[in-house]
Amino acid sequence: MKEKVLAVMRAAGRPVGAGEIEKLSGLERKVIDKAMKELKKEELIVSPVRCKWEPIN
């Protein structure tokens, strides 16, 4: 799931929130929240804007 969330973030091309990822991917919010928590822990995503995230290049 982490890879799918990252792919959606990269495809968006800008910082996105969990709600937008949900709309773009069709995944459940709880699945997205769990994946994002793991991605934050692994330092694979950053938050340039409050409540929005993007992958680290």
PDB file of N, CA and C in Angstrom:
ATOM      1  N   MET A   1       0.814  -1.198   0.000  1.00  0.00           N
ATOM      2  CA  MET A   1       0.000   0.000   0.000  1.00  0.00           C
ATOM      3  C   MET A   1       0.857   1.260   0.000  1.00  0.00           C
ATOM      4  N   LYS A   2       1.997   1.211   0.696  1.00  0.00           N
ATOM      5  CA  LYS A   2       2.862   2.391   0.743  1.00  0.00           C
ATOM      6  C   LYS A   2       3.275   2.803  -0.662  1.00  0.00           C
ATOM      7  N   GLU A   3       3.597   1.819  -1.498  1.00  0.00           N
ATOM      8  CA  GLU A   3       4.033   2.115  -2.851  1.00  0.00           C
ATOM      9  C   GLU A   3       2.908   2.761  -3.654  1.00  0.00           C
ATOM     10  N   LYS A   4       1.676   2.292  -3.451  1.00  0.00           N
ATOM     11  CA  LYS A   4       0.540   2.863  -4.181  1.00  0.00           C
ATOM     12  C   LYS A   4       0.298   4.310  -3.740  1.00  0.00           C
ATOM     13  N   VAL A   5       0.379   4.565  -2.434  1.00  0.00           N
ATOM     14  CA  VAL A   5       0.203   5.931  -1.926  1.00  0.00           C
ATOM     15  C   VAL A   5       1.299   6.837  -2.487  1.00  0.00           C
ATOM     16  N   LEU A   6       2.534   6.367  -2.487  1.00  0.00           N
ATOM     17  CA  LEU A   6       3.640   7.149  -3.056  1.00  0.00           C
ATOM     18  C   LEU A   6       3.413   7.420  -4.541  1.00  0.00           C
ATOM     19  N   ALA A   7       2.935   6.412  -5.270  1.00  0.00           N
ATOM     20  CA  ALA A   7       2.682   6.579  -6.706  1.00  0.00           C
ATOM     21  C   ALA A   7       1.619   7.648  -6.945  1.00  0.00           C
ATOM     22  N   VAL A   8       0.573   7.658  -6.134  1.00  0.00           N
ATOM     23  CA  VAL A   8      -0.486   8.661  -6.273  1.00  0.00           C
ATOM     24  C   VAL A   8       0.079  10.050  -5.979  1.00  0.00           C
ATOM     25  N   MET A   9       0.915  10.151  -4.946  1.00  0.00           N
ATOM     26  CA  MET A   9       1.531  11.437  -4.607  1.00  0.00           C
ATOM     27  C   MET A   9       2.406  11.938  -5.748  1.00  0.00           C
ATOM     28  N   ARG A  10       3.205  11.042  -6.320  1.00  0.00           N
ATOM     29  CA  ARG A  10       4.082  11.441  -7.428  1.00  0.00           C
ATOM     30  C   ARG A  10       3.261  11.866  -8.647  1.00  0.00           C
ATOM     31  N   ALA A  11       2.189  11.127  -8.924  1.00  0.00           N
ATOM     32  CA  ALA A  11       1.335  11.433 -10.076  1.00  0.00           C
ATOM     33  C   ALA A  11       0.659  12.795  -9.917  1.00  0.00           C
ATOM     34  N   ALA A  12       0.314  13.157  -8.671  1.00  0.00           N
ATOM     35  CA  ALA A  12      -0.343  14.441  -8.423  1.00  0.00           C
ATOM     36  C   ALA A  12       0.595  15.599  -8.758  1.00  0.00           C
ATOM     37  N   GLY A  13       1.893  15.406  -8.520  1.00  0.00           N
ATOM     38  CA  GLY A  13       2.875  16.434  -8.869  1.00  0.00           C
ATOM     39  C   GLY A  13       2.879  17.651  -7.956  1.00  0.00           C
ATOM     40  N   ARG A  14       2.189  17.553  -6.846  1.00  0.00           N
ATOM     41  CA  ARG A  14       2.131  18.647  -5.871  1.00  0.00           C
ATOM     42  C   ARG A  14       1.782  18.047  -4.515  1.00  0.00           C
ATOM     43  N   PRO A  15       1.948  18.804  -3.428  1.00  0.00           N
ATOM     44  CA  PRO A  15       1.584  18.276  -2.111  1.00  0.00           C
ATOM     45  C   PRO A  15       0.089  17.965  -2.038  1.00  0.00           C
ATOM     46  N   VAL A  16      -0.244  16.800  -1.486  1.00  0.00           N
ATOM     47  CA  VAL A  16      -1.638  16.380  -1.369  1.00  0.00           C
ATOM     48  C   VAL A  16      -1.936  15.896   0.047  1.00  0.00           C
ATOM     49  N   GLY A  17      -3.190  16.005   0.439  1.00  0.00           N
ATOM     50  CA  GLY A  17      -3.641  15.515   1.726  1.00  0.00           C
ATOM     51  C   GLY A  17      -4.216  14.118   1.593  1.00  0.00           C
ATOM     52  N   ALA A  18      -4.472  13.480   2.714  1.00  0.00           N
ATOM     53  CA  ALA A  18      -5.002  12.114   2.718  1.00  0.00           C
ATOM     54  C   ALA A  18      -6.357  12.035   2.016  1.00  0.00           C
ATOM     55  N   GLY A  19      -7.194  13.053   2.192  1.00  0.00           N
ATOM     56  CA  GLY A  19      -8.501  13.057   1.545  1.00  0.00           C
ATOM     57  C   GLY A  19      -8.390  13.056   0.030  1.00  0.00           C
ATOM     58  N   GLU A  20      -7.446  13.810  -0.481  1.00  0.00           N
ATOM     59  CA  GLU A  20      -7.251  13.858  -1.929  1.00  0.00           C
ATOM     60  C   GLU A  20      -6.681  12.539  -2.443  1.00  0.00           C
ATOM     61  N   ILE A  21      -5.771  11.946  -1.670  1.00  0.00           N
ATOM     62  CA  ILE A  21      -5.224  10.638  -2.049  1.00  0.00           C
ATOM     63  C   ILE A  21      -6.361   9.617  -2.110  1.00  0.00           C
ATOM     64  N   GLU A  22      -7.289   9.709  -1.156  1.00  0.00           N
ATOM     65  CA  GLU A  22      -8.438   8.806  -1.127  1.00  0.00           C
ATOM     66  C   GLU A  22      -9.253   8.947  -2.417  1.00  0.00           C
ATOM     67  N   LYS A  23      -9.507  10.174  -2.847  1.00  0.00           N
ATOM     68  CA  LYS A  23     -10.277  10.414  -4.075  1.00  0.00           C
ATOM     69  C   LYS A  23      -9.533   9.916  -5.315  1.00  0.00           C
ATOM     70  N   LEU A  24      -8.224  10.153  -5.356  1.00  0.00           N
ATOM     71  CA  LEU A  24      -7.436   9.787  -6.530  1.00  0.00           C
ATOM     72  C   LEU A  24      -7.184   8.287  -6.641  1.00  0.00           C
ATOM     73  N   SER A  25      -7.082   7.610  -5.500  1.00  0.00           N
ATOM     74  CA  SER A  25      -6.687   6.204  -5.515  1.00  0.00           C
ATOM     75  C   SER A  25      -7.840   5.228  -5.322  1.00  0.00           C
ATOM     76  N   GLY A  26      -8.894   5.673  -4.651  1.00  0.00           N
ATOM     77  CA  GLY A  26      -9.995   4.764  -4.346  1.00  0.00           C
ATOM     78  C   GLY A  26      -9.731   3.885  -3.128  1.00  0.00           C
ATOM     79  N   LEU A  27      -8.599   4.110  -2.463  1.00  0.00           N
ATOM     80  CA  LEU A  27      -8.280   3.349  -1.253  1.00  0.00           C
ATOM     81  C   LEU A  27      -9.080   3.876  -0.068  1.00  0.00           C
ATOM     82  N   GLU A  28      -9.239   3.030   0.951  1.00  0.00           N
ATOM     83  CA  GLU A  28      -9.925   3.466   2.172  1.00  0.00           C
ATOM     84  C   GLU A  28      -9.021   4.409   2.952  1.00  0.00           C
ATOM     85  N   ARG A  29      -9.647   5.350   3.647  1.00  0.00           N
ATOM     86  CA  ARG A  29      -8.902   6.365   4.403  1.00  0.00           C
ATOM     87  C   ARG A  29      -7.997   5.733   5.462  1.00  0.00           C
ATOM     88  N   LYS A  30      -8.497   4.710   6.162  1.00  0.00           N
ATOM     89  CA  LYS A  30      -7.669   4.106   7.221  1.00  0.00           C
ATOM     90  C   LYS A  30      -6.424   3.429   6.646  1.00  0.00           C
ATOM     91  N   VAL A  31      -6.537   2.882   5.444  1.00  0.00           N
ATOM     92  CA  VAL A  31      -5.384   2.262   4.778  1.00  0.00           C
ATOM     93  C   VAL A  31      -4.369   3.346   4.407  1.00  0.00           C
ATOM     94  N   ILE A  32      -4.871   4.466   3.889  1.00  0.00           N
ATOM     95  CA  ILE A  32      -4.006   5.590   3.512  1.00  0.00           C
ATOM     96  C   ILE A  32      -3.304   6.154   4.742  1.00  0.00           C
ATOM     97  N   ASP A  33      -4.057   6.366   5.835  1.00  0.00           N
ATOM     98  CA  ASP A  33      -3.471   6.899   7.067  1.00  0.00           C
ATOM     99  C   ASP A  33      -2.362   6.002   7.593  1.00  0.00           C
ATOM    100  N   LYS A  34      -2.581   4.689   7.553  1.00  0.00           N
ATOM    101  CA  LYS A  34      -1.562   3.746   8.024  1.00  0.00           C
ATOM    102  C   LYS A  34      -0.317   3.808   7.137  1.00  0.00           C
ATOM    103  N   ALA A  35      -0.523   3.827   5.818  1.00  0.00           N
ATOM    104  CA  ALA A  35       0.602   3.890   4.888  1.00  0.00           C
ATOM    105  C   ALA A  35       1.376   5.190   5.075  1.00  0.00           C
ATOM    106  N   MET A  36       0.651   6.302   5.239  1.00  0.00           N
ATOM    107  CA  MET A  36       1.326   7.600   5.412  1.00  0.00           C
ATOM    108  C   MET A  36       2.102   7.637   6.720  1.00  0.00           C
ATOM    109  N   LYS A  37       1.573   7.037   7.759  1.00  0.00           N
ATOM    110  CA  LYS A  37       2.284   6.982   9.038  1.00  0.00           C
ATOM    111  C   LYS A  37       3.618   6.250   8.867  1.00  0.00           C
ATOM    112  N   GLU A  38       3.584   5.138   8.143  1.00  0.00           N
ATOM    113  CA  GLU A  38       4.812   4.376   7.898  1.00  0.00           C
ATOM    114  C   GLU A  38       5.775   5.161   7.008  1.00  0.00           C
ATOM    115  N   LEU A  39       5.243   5.839   5.998  1.00  0.00           N
ATOM    116  CA  LEU A  39       6.098   6.631   5.109  1.00  0.00           C
ATOM    117  C   LEU A  39       6.759   7.782   5.852  1.00  0.00           C
ATOM    118  N   LYS A  40       6.027   8.406   6.785  1.00  0.00           N
ATOM    119  CA  LYS A  40       6.610   9.485   7.605  1.00  0.00           C
ATOM    120  C   LYS A  40       7.732   8.927   8.475  1.00  0.00           C
ATOM    121  N   LYS A  41       7.476   7.772   9.080  1.00  0.00           N
ATOM    122  CA  LYS A  41       8.455   7.143   9.967  1.00  0.00           C
ATOM    123  C   LYS A  41       9.737   6.802   9.199  1.00  0.00           C
ATOM    124  N   GLU A  42       9.574   6.355   7.948  1.00  0.00           N
ATOM    125  CA  GLU A  42      10.717   5.990   7.112  1.00  0.00           C
ATOM    126  C   GLU A  42      11.323   7.214   6.403  1.00  0.00           C
ATOM    127  N   GLU A  43      10.750   8.396   6.656  1.00  0.00           N
ATOM    128  CA  GLU A  43      11.214   9.662   6.079  1.00  0.00           C
ATOM    129  C   GLU A  43      11.219   9.640   4.553  1.00  0.00           C
ATOM    130  N   LEU A  44      10.152   9.069   3.975  1.00  0.00           N
ATOM    131  CA  LEU A  44      10.007   9.029   2.525  1.00  0.00           C
ATOM    132  C   LEU A  44       9.094  10.129   2.011  1.00  0.00           C
ATOM    133  N   ILE A  45       8.356  10.789   2.942  1.00  0.00           N
ATOM    134  CA  ILE A  45       7.503  11.913   2.555  1.00  0.00           C
ATOM    135  C   ILE A  45       7.752  13.077   3.508  1.00  0.00           C
ATOM    136  N   VAL A  46       7.502  14.281   2.994  1.00  0.00           N
ATOM    137  CA  VAL A  46       7.664  15.495   3.795  1.00  0.00           C
ATOM    138  C   VAL A  46       6.410  16.354   3.655  1.00  0.00           C
ATOM    139  N   SER A  47       6.236  17.265   4.591  1.00  0.00           N
ATOM    140  CA  SER A  47       5.095  18.159   4.577  1.00  0.00           C
ATOM    141  C   SER A  47       5.550  19.600   4.357  1.00  0.00           C
ATOM    142  N   PRO A  48       5.521  20.067   3.092  1.00  0.00           N
ATOM    143  CA  PRO A  48       5.923  21.449   2.819  1.00  0.00           C
ATOM    144  C   PRO A  48       4.828  22.453   3.193  1.00  0.00           C
ATOM    145  N   VAL A  49       3.600  21.964   3.265  1.00  0.00           N
ATOM    146  CA  VAL A  49       2.435  22.777   3.595  1.00  0.00           C
ATOM    147  C   VAL A  49       1.638  22.019   4.651  1.00  0.00           C
ATOM    148  N   ARG A  50       1.089  22.731   5.606  1.00  0.00           N
ATOM    149  CA  ARG A  50       0.352  22.082   6.682  1.00  0.00           C
ATOM    150  C   ARG A  50      -0.710  21.121   6.137  1.00  0.00           C
ATOM    151  N   CYS A  51      -0.702  19.894   6.635  1.00  0.00           N
ATOM    152  CA  CYS A  51      -1.671  18.847   6.286  1.00  0.00           C
ATOM    153  C   CYS A  51      -1.563  18.340   4.839  1.00  0.00           C
ATOM    154  N   LYS A  52      -0.510  18.683   4.158  1.00  0.00           N
ATOM    155  CA  LYS A  52      -0.286  18.185   2.793  1.00  0.00           C
ATOM    156  C   LYS A  52       1.095  17.559   2.751  1.00  0.00           C
ATOM    157  N   TRP A  53       1.215  16.504   1.970  1.00  0.00           N
ATOM    158  CA  TRP A  53       2.460  15.741   1.932  1.00  0.00           C
ATOM    159  C   TRP A  53       2.894  15.501   0.498  1.00  0.00           C
ATOM    160  N   GLU A  54       4.206  15.295   0.347  1.00  0.00           N
ATOM    161  CA  GLU A  54       4.756  14.932  -0.953  1.00  0.00           C
ATOM    162  C   GLU A  54       5.963  14.024  -0.736  1.00  0.00           C
ATOM    163  N   PRO A  55       6.287  13.203  -1.741  1.00  0.00           N
ATOM    164  CA  PRO A  55       7.448  12.320  -1.594  1.00  0.00           C
ATOM    165  C   PRO A  55       8.750  13.115  -1.624  1.00  0.00           C
ATOM    166  N   ILE A  56       9.740  12.593  -0.931  1.00  0.00           N
ATOM    167  CA  ILE A  56      11.079  13.192  -0.980  1.00  0.00           C
ATOM    168  C   ILE A  56      11.726  12.734  -2.275  1.00  0.00           C
ATOM    169  N   ASN A  57      12.285  13.663  -3.006  1.00  0.00           N
ATOM    170  CA  ASN A  57      12.914  13.328  -4.293  1.00  0.00           C
ATOM    171  C   ASN A  57      14.308  12.820  -4.113  1.00  0.00           C
TER     172      ASN A  57
END
